[in-house]
Amino acid sequence: MTKSQLIENISLRLPHLLQRDVEMAINITIDAMTHHLAQGERIEIRGFGGFSVIQRAARIGRNPRTGEQVSLPIRYTTYFKPGLNLRERVYLSKNRFPLIKD
C-alpha cells in the first residue's frame, strides 16, 4: 500500500472528512514520527509495533568491482518490530498456524 492508497482508503472509510484533511493528518503523523526517530527516540504503537533507531558498527567492507578493502563508518538505520497482534493477524491471514504463546 502506498501513501496515496492509505489516504484514499481512510477517506473512503470516513466520508465526513475531506481527502485533503486526511492527507494533512497522515503527513503530520509521518513528520512527527520522522522527527522523533531522528532524535533517537523510540516509537511504540500498541498492537501494531515499535520503531527504533539502531547503530551499525564501523567495519571493513569490500568494493565489489575492485575487491579492495574499504573502511565503512558507523551508521544508523531504523528498525521495526511488529507487535503480537499484527504478527498473529498476518500469520492467520496467510493460512499459517497462529503464534504459540509461552
N, C-alpha and C. Protein backbone atom coordinates (compact mmCIF):
# COMPACT_ATOMS: atom_id res chain seq x y z
N MET A 1 0.84 -1.17 0.00
CA MET A 1 0.00 0.00 0.00
C MET A 1 0.89 1.24 0.00
N THR A 2 0.58 2.14 -0.87
CA THR A 2 1.32 3.40 -0.93
C THR A 2 0.64 4.43 -0.04
N LYS A 3 1.32 5.55 0.14
CA LYS A 3 0.76 6.62 0.97
C LYS A 3 -0.54 7.14 0.36
N SER A 4 -0.59 7.30 -0.94
CA SER A 4 -1.81 7.80 -1.58
C SER A 4 -2.95 6.78 -1.46
N GLN A 5 -2.64 5.49 -1.49
CA GLN A 5 -3.67 4.47 -1.30
C GLN A 5 -4.18 4.49 0.14
N LEU A 6 -3.29 4.73 1.11
CA LEU A 6 -3.69 4.85 2.50
C LEU A 6 -4.64 6.03 2.68
N ILE A 7 -4.29 7.15 2.10
CA ILE A 7 -5.14 8.34 2.19
C ILE A 7 -6.51 8.07 1.57
N GLU A 8 -6.52 7.43 0.42
CA GLU A 8 -7.78 7.12 -0.25
C GLU A 8 -8.62 6.15 0.58
N ASN A 9 -7.97 5.14 1.16
CA ASN A 9 -8.67 4.15 1.98
C ASN A 9 -9.31 4.79 3.19
N ILE A 10 -8.58 5.65 3.87
CA ILE A 10 -9.12 6.33 5.05
C ILE A 10 -10.25 7.28 4.64
N SER A 11 -10.08 7.97 3.53
CA SER A 11 -11.12 8.89 3.05
C SER A 11 -12.42 8.14 2.74
N LEU A 12 -12.30 6.95 2.21
CA LEU A 12 -13.50 6.15 1.91
C LEU A 12 -14.17 5.65 3.18
N ARG A 13 -13.37 5.32 4.20
CA ARG A 13 -13.93 4.82 5.45
C ARG A 13 -14.50 5.93 6.32
N LEU A 14 -14.03 7.15 6.11
CA LEU A 14 -14.50 8.32 6.87
C LEU A 14 -14.97 9.39 5.89
N PRO A 15 -16.13 9.18 5.26
CA PRO A 15 -16.57 10.10 4.20
C PRO A 15 -16.86 11.52 4.69
N HIS A 16 -17.03 11.72 6.00
CA HIS A 16 -17.30 13.06 6.51
C HIS A 16 -16.04 13.92 6.54
N LEU A 17 -14.87 13.30 6.33
CA LEU A 17 -13.61 14.06 6.28
C LEU A 17 -13.22 14.32 4.84
N LEU A 18 -12.70 15.51 4.59
CA LEU A 18 -12.21 15.82 3.24
C LEU A 18 -10.90 15.09 3.01
N GLN A 19 -10.65 14.70 1.77
CA GLN A 19 -9.43 13.97 1.44
C GLN A 19 -8.18 14.80 1.77
N ARG A 20 -8.22 16.09 1.57
CA ARG A 20 -7.06 16.93 1.87
C ARG A 20 -6.78 16.96 3.38
N ASP A 21 -7.85 16.87 4.20
CA ASP A 21 -7.66 16.83 5.66
C ASP A 21 -7.03 15.51 6.09
N VAL A 22 -7.46 14.43 5.47
CA VAL A 22 -6.87 13.12 5.76
C VAL A 22 -5.40 13.13 5.34
N GLU A 23 -5.10 13.69 4.18
CA GLU A 23 -3.72 13.76 3.71
C GLU A 23 -2.86 14.59 4.66
N MET A 24 -3.41 15.70 5.16
CA MET A 24 -2.67 16.54 6.09
C MET A 24 -2.40 15.77 7.39
N ALA A 25 -3.38 15.03 7.88
CA ALA A 25 -3.21 14.25 9.11
C ALA A 25 -2.13 13.18 8.94
N ILE A 26 -2.14 12.50 7.80
CA ILE A 26 -1.12 11.47 7.52
C ILE A 26 0.26 12.12 7.45
N ASN A 27 0.37 13.25 6.76
CA ASN A 27 1.66 13.94 6.64
C ASN A 27 2.19 14.40 7.99
N ILE A 28 1.31 14.93 8.83
CA ILE A 28 1.72 15.38 10.17
C ILE A 28 2.19 14.20 11.00
N THR A 29 1.48 13.07 10.90
CA THR A 29 1.86 11.87 11.65
C THR A 29 3.23 11.36 11.21
N ILE A 30 3.45 11.28 9.91
CA ILE A 30 4.74 10.81 9.39
C ILE A 30 5.86 11.77 9.76
N ASP A 31 5.59 13.07 9.68
CA ASP A 31 6.60 14.06 10.06
C ASP A 31 6.96 13.94 11.54
N ALA A 32 5.97 13.75 12.40
CA ALA A 32 6.23 13.61 13.84
C ALA A 32 7.04 12.34 14.11
N MET A 33 6.69 11.25 13.46
CA MET A 33 7.44 10.00 13.65
C MET A 33 8.88 10.17 13.18
N THR A 34 9.07 10.79 12.03
CA THR A 34 10.41 11.02 11.49
C THR A 34 11.23 11.89 12.44
N HIS A 35 10.62 12.94 12.97
CA HIS A 35 11.31 13.84 13.89
C HIS A 35 11.78 13.09 15.14
N HIS A 36 10.91 12.31 15.73
CA HIS A 36 11.26 11.60 16.96
C HIS A 36 12.31 10.51 16.72
N LEU A 37 12.23 9.83 15.60
CA LEU A 37 13.26 8.84 15.27
C LEU A 37 14.60 9.52 15.04
N ALA A 38 14.58 10.68 14.38
CA ALA A 38 15.82 11.43 14.14
C ALA A 38 16.45 11.89 15.44
N GLN A 39 15.64 12.08 16.48
CA GLN A 39 16.14 12.46 17.80
C GLN A 39 16.63 11.24 18.59
N GLY A 40 16.50 10.06 18.00
CA GLY A 40 16.95 8.83 18.67
C GLY A 40 15.91 8.23 19.59
N GLU A 41 14.69 8.71 19.52
CA GLU A 41 13.63 8.20 20.38
C GLU A 41 12.97 6.98 19.76
N ARG A 42 12.31 6.21 20.59
CA ARG A 42 11.59 5.02 20.16
C ARG A 42 10.12 5.37 20.02
N ILE A 43 9.45 4.77 19.04
CA ILE A 43 8.02 4.98 18.83
C ILE A 43 7.34 3.63 19.01
N GLU A 44 6.32 3.59 19.84
CA GLU A 44 5.58 2.35 20.06
C GLU A 44 4.10 2.59 19.83
N ILE A 45 3.52 1.80 18.94
CA ILE A 45 2.09 1.86 18.68
C ILE A 45 1.54 0.51 19.13
N ARG A 46 0.87 0.50 20.28
CA ARG A 46 0.39 -0.74 20.89
C ARG A 46 -0.46 -1.54 19.91
N GLY A 47 -0.17 -2.83 19.83
CA GLY A 47 -0.91 -3.72 18.94
C GLY A 47 -0.38 -3.71 17.51
N PHE A 48 0.40 -2.72 17.15
CA PHE A 48 0.94 -2.63 15.79
C PHE A 48 2.42 -2.94 15.78
N GLY A 49 3.21 -2.19 16.57
CA GLY A 49 4.64 -2.46 16.63
C GLY A 49 5.42 -1.27 17.11
N GLY A 50 6.72 -1.42 17.07
CA GLY A 50 7.59 -0.36 17.54
C GLY A 50 8.67 -0.03 16.53
N PHE A 51 9.00 1.23 16.45
CA PHE A 51 10.07 1.71 15.59
C PHE A 51 11.20 2.21 16.48
N SER A 52 12.42 1.89 16.11
CA SER A 52 13.56 2.39 16.86
C SER A 52 14.72 2.60 15.89
N VAL A 53 15.74 3.29 16.38
CA VAL A 53 16.94 3.54 15.60
C VAL A 53 18.04 2.66 16.17
N ILE A 54 18.70 1.92 15.29
CA ILE A 54 19.81 1.08 15.74
C ILE A 54 21.11 1.56 15.10
N GLN A 55 22.19 1.32 15.80
CA GLN A 55 23.51 1.74 15.31
C GLN A 55 24.21 0.52 14.73
N ARG A 56 24.70 0.67 13.52
CA ARG A 56 25.51 -0.37 12.89
C ARG A 56 26.97 -0.01 13.11
N ALA A 57 27.73 -0.96 13.58
CA ALA A 57 29.14 -0.71 13.91
C ALA A 57 29.96 -0.42 12.65
N ALA A 58 31.05 0.29 12.84
CA ALA A 58 32.00 0.52 11.75
C ALA A 58 32.62 -0.83 11.39
N ARG A 59 32.93 -1.00 10.13
CA ARG A 59 33.50 -2.28 9.71
C ARG A 59 34.33 -2.10 8.44
N ILE A 60 35.02 -3.15 8.10
CA ILE A 60 35.79 -3.16 6.86
C ILE A 60 34.97 -3.93 5.82
N GLY A 61 34.68 -3.27 4.71
CA GLY A 61 33.93 -3.90 3.62
C GLY A 61 34.82 -4.05 2.40
N ARG A 62 34.23 -4.51 1.32
CA ARG A 62 34.97 -4.69 0.08
C ARG A 62 34.25 -3.97 -1.05
N ASN A 63 35.04 -3.33 -1.91
CA ASN A 63 34.49 -2.73 -3.12
C ASN A 63 34.19 -3.90 -4.06
N PRO A 64 32.95 -4.09 -4.49
CA PRO A 64 32.62 -5.25 -5.33
C PRO A 64 33.31 -5.24 -6.70
N ARG A 65 33.63 -4.07 -7.21
CA ARG A 65 34.30 -4.00 -8.51
C ARG A 65 35.77 -4.39 -8.43
N THR A 66 36.46 -3.79 -7.48
CA THR A 66 37.91 -3.98 -7.42
C THR A 66 38.34 -5.01 -6.39
N GLY A 67 37.46 -5.31 -5.43
CA GLY A 67 37.82 -6.25 -4.39
C GLY A 67 38.67 -5.65 -3.28
N GLU A 68 39.00 -4.36 -3.40
CA GLU A 68 39.84 -3.74 -2.37
C GLU A 68 39.02 -3.46 -1.12
N GLN A 69 39.70 -3.47 0.03
CA GLN A 69 39.04 -3.22 1.30
C GLN A 69 38.73 -1.74 1.46
N VAL A 70 37.56 -1.48 2.04
CA VAL A 70 37.08 -0.12 2.24
C VAL A 70 36.60 -0.01 3.68
N SER A 71 36.96 1.08 4.34
CA SER A 71 36.51 1.31 5.71
C SER A 71 35.12 1.93 5.67
N LEU A 72 34.16 1.28 6.32
CA LEU A 72 32.79 1.79 6.38
C LEU A 72 32.54 2.36 7.78
N PRO A 73 32.07 3.59 7.87
CA PRO A 73 31.88 4.23 9.18
C PRO A 73 30.62 3.71 9.89
N ILE A 74 30.47 4.12 11.14
CA ILE A 74 29.25 3.83 11.89
C ILE A 74 28.08 4.44 11.15
N ARG A 75 26.96 3.74 11.15
CA ARG A 75 25.76 4.31 10.54
C ARG A 75 24.54 3.94 11.36
N TYR A 76 23.49 4.68 11.16
CA TYR A 76 22.25 4.48 11.90
C TYR A 76 21.16 4.11 10.92
N THR A 77 20.29 3.19 11.34
CA THR A 77 19.19 2.78 10.50
C THR A 77 17.96 2.56 11.37
N THR A 78 16.80 2.59 10.75
CA THR A 78 15.57 2.36 11.51
C THR A 78 15.26 0.87 11.54
N TYR A 79 14.59 0.47 12.60
CA TYR A 79 14.23 -0.93 12.81
C TYR A 79 12.77 -0.97 13.24
N PHE A 80 12.01 -1.90 12.67
CA PHE A 80 10.61 -2.07 13.04
C PHE A 80 10.42 -3.47 13.59
N LYS A 81 9.81 -3.55 14.76
CA LYS A 81 9.47 -4.84 15.35
C LYS A 81 7.96 -4.90 15.47
N PRO A 82 7.32 -5.81 14.72
CA PRO A 82 5.86 -5.87 14.76
C PRO A 82 5.37 -6.35 16.12
N GLY A 83 4.21 -5.84 16.52
CA GLY A 83 3.57 -6.25 17.76
C GLY A 83 2.92 -7.61 17.59
N LEU A 84 2.56 -8.23 18.71
CA LEU A 84 1.99 -9.57 18.70
C LEU A 84 0.68 -9.61 17.91
N ASN A 85 -0.17 -8.60 18.09
CA ASN A 85 -1.44 -8.57 17.39
C ASN A 85 -1.23 -8.53 15.87
N LEU A 86 -0.30 -7.72 15.40
CA LEU A 86 -0.01 -7.63 13.97
C LEU A 86 0.54 -8.95 13.45
N ARG A 87 1.48 -9.54 14.17
CA ARG A 87 2.06 -10.82 13.74
C ARG A 87 0.99 -11.90 13.63
N GLU A 88 0.12 -11.99 14.63
CA GLU A 88 -0.92 -13.01 14.61
C GLU A 88 -1.87 -12.81 13.43
N ARG A 89 -2.27 -11.57 13.18
CA ARG A 89 -3.19 -11.32 12.07
C ARG A 89 -2.56 -11.64 10.72
N VAL A 90 -1.27 -11.32 10.57
CA VAL A 90 -0.59 -11.62 9.31
C VAL A 90 -0.48 -13.13 9.13
N TYR A 91 -0.06 -13.83 10.18
CA TYR A 91 0.08 -15.29 10.07
C TYR A 91 -1.26 -15.96 9.82
N LEU A 92 -2.31 -15.52 10.51
CA LEU A 92 -3.62 -16.13 10.31
C LEU A 92 -4.17 -15.84 8.92
N SER A 93 -3.89 -14.66 8.38
CA SER A 93 -4.38 -14.31 7.05
C SER A 93 -3.67 -15.10 5.95
N LYS A 94 -2.50 -15.62 6.26
CA LYS A 94 -1.74 -16.40 5.28
C LYS A 94 -1.95 -17.90 5.48
N ASN A 95 -3.02 -18.28 6.23
CA ASN A 95 -3.36 -19.68 6.49
C ASN A 95 -2.23 -20.45 7.14
N ARG A 96 -1.55 -19.79 8.06
CA ARG A 96 -0.49 -20.44 8.81
C ARG A 96 -0.99 -20.67 10.22
N PHE A 97 -0.24 -21.41 10.97
CA PHE A 97 -0.59 -21.64 12.37
C PHE A 97 -0.41 -20.35 13.16
N PRO A 98 -1.29 -20.11 14.15
CA PRO A 98 -1.09 -18.92 14.98
C PRO A 98 0.16 -19.06 15.83
N LEU A 99 0.66 -17.94 16.29
CA LEU A 99 1.86 -17.96 17.10
C LEU A 99 1.59 -18.75 18.39
N ILE A 100 2.57 -19.50 18.79
CA ILE A 100 2.46 -20.26 20.03
C ILE A 100 2.86 -19.35 21.18
N LYS A 101 1.98 -19.23 22.16
CA LYS A 101 2.27 -18.38 23.31
C LYS A 101 2.87 -19.24 24.41
N ASP A 102 3.95 -18.74 24.98
CA ASP A 102 4.62 -19.49 26.06
C ASP A 102 3.85 -19.38 27.34
